[in-house]
Amino acid sequence: MESSNPRPRGRRPKPVPGRDAIYGDALYPVTVLLRKLGLSRGTLSSMRRRGLPIRHVNRRCAVVLGSELIQFLRKEWTGEAEAGGETGSP
């Protein structure tokens, strides 16, 4: 007998709580930030090497300020040529 509502096989993806806006006046633990933005730890390491400031509250808890994250992403999205001081005029 065939069921009228077949269920997909495999694990269901967990809903990601809090995938909403990043606020400038908030502190985000790195684990929460990775979930909010859907990033991997490798991507976070790359962002850190490119200048994202990560602050350590104690040995186990690293946090990012929302305003610094917004500023970093804005700089990355506008392009490295502007941030590097390269202008287009001679």
Protein backbone atom coordinates (compact mmCIF):
# COMPACT_ATOMS: atom_id res chain seq x y z
CA MET A 1 0.00 0.00 0.00
CA GLU A 2 1.22 3.42 -0.87
CA SER A 3 0.81 6.18 1.67
CA SER A 4 -0.85 9.40 0.63
CA ASN A 5 1.83 11.54 2.29
CA PRO A 6 5.30 10.15 1.56
CA ARG A 7 7.99 11.36 3.94
CA PRO A 8 11.42 12.26 2.61
CA ARG A 9 14.22 10.00 3.73
CA GLY A 10 17.23 11.16 5.68
CA ARG A 11 17.68 13.79 8.33
CA ARG A 12 15.61 16.92 8.24
CA PRO A 13 17.59 20.15 8.38
CA LYS A 14 17.22 21.94 11.68
CA PRO A 15 15.64 25.37 11.49
CA VAL A 16 18.15 28.11 12.15
CA PRO A 17 16.87 30.33 14.93
CA GLY A 18 17.61 34.01 14.72
CA ARG A 19 18.53 34.39 11.06
CA ASP A 20 17.53 38.00 11.18
CA ALA A 21 19.31 41.33 11.11
CA ILE A 22 22.70 42.07 12.63
CA TYR A 23 22.42 45.00 15.02
CA GLY A 24 25.23 47.49 15.51
CA ASP A 25 24.72 47.79 19.26
CA ALA A 26 24.88 44.04 19.97
CA LEU A 27 27.61 41.59 20.93
CA TYR A 28 27.59 38.26 19.06
CA PRO A 29 29.39 35.13 20.23
CA VAL A 30 31.27 33.59 17.32
CA THR A 31 29.16 30.41 17.36
CA VAL A 32 25.94 32.42 17.10
CA LEU A 33 27.42 34.60 14.37
CA LEU A 34 28.38 31.55 12.29
CA ARG A 35 24.80 30.26 12.50
CA LYS A 36 23.23 33.66 11.79
CA LEU A 37 25.30 34.25 8.66
CA GLY A 38 25.54 30.60 7.57
CA LEU A 39 29.34 30.67 7.54
CA SER A 40 31.93 27.99 8.19
CA ARG A 41 34.83 28.28 10.61
CA GLY A 42 37.21 28.50 7.64
CA THR A 43 35.35 31.52 6.30
CA LEU A 44 35.52 33.12 9.73
CA SER A 45 39.29 32.54 9.83
CA SER A 46 39.62 34.16 6.43
CA MET A 47 37.56 37.16 7.57
CA ARG A 48 39.75 37.45 10.65
CA ARG A 49 42.93 37.48 8.54
CA ARG A 50 41.41 40.24 6.39
CA GLY A 51 40.78 42.43 9.43
CA LEU A 52 37.60 41.41 11.29
CA PRO A 53 38.29 42.15 14.97
CA ILE A 54 37.36 39.30 17.29
CA ARG A 55 37.50 39.97 21.02
CA HIS A 56 38.05 37.29 23.64
CA VAL A 57 36.01 37.61 26.82
CA ASN A 58 37.78 34.67 28.43
CA ARG A 59 39.65 31.66 27.08
CA ARG A 60 36.54 30.01 25.72
CA CYS A 61 34.27 32.82 24.58
CA ALA A 62 35.09 34.92 21.52
CA VAL A 63 32.71 37.71 20.52
CA VAL A 64 32.28 40.14 17.64
CA LEU A 65 30.77 43.59 18.00
CA GLY A 66 27.88 44.11 15.61
CA SER A 67 29.09 47.57 14.57
CA GLU A 68 32.57 46.23 13.70
CA LEU A 69 31.07 43.37 11.70
CA ILE A 70 28.86 45.76 9.72
CA GLN A 71 31.83 48.05 9.06
CA PHE A 72 33.98 45.09 7.95
CA LEU A 73 31.30 43.72 5.60
CA ARG A 74 30.67 47.17 4.14
CA LYS A 75 34.41 47.53 3.42
CA GLU A 76 34.54 44.06 1.83
CA TRP A 77 31.48 44.64 -0.34
CA THR A 78 32.64 48.00 -1.66
CA GLY A 79 35.89 46.44 -2.84
CA GLU A 80 39.47 46.08 -1.78
CA ALA A 81 40.72 48.77 -4.23
CA GLU A 82 38.96 51.50 -2.25
CA ALA A 83 40.11 50.16 1.10
CA GLY A 84 43.70 49.71 -0.10
CA GLY A 85 44.09 53.35 -1.06
CA GLU A 86 44.25 52.67 -4.80
CA THR A 87 42.42 55.52 -6.55
CA GLY A 88 42.03 55.40 -10.31
CA SER A 89 43.56 58.78 -11.01
CA PRO A 90 47.27 59.27 -11.87
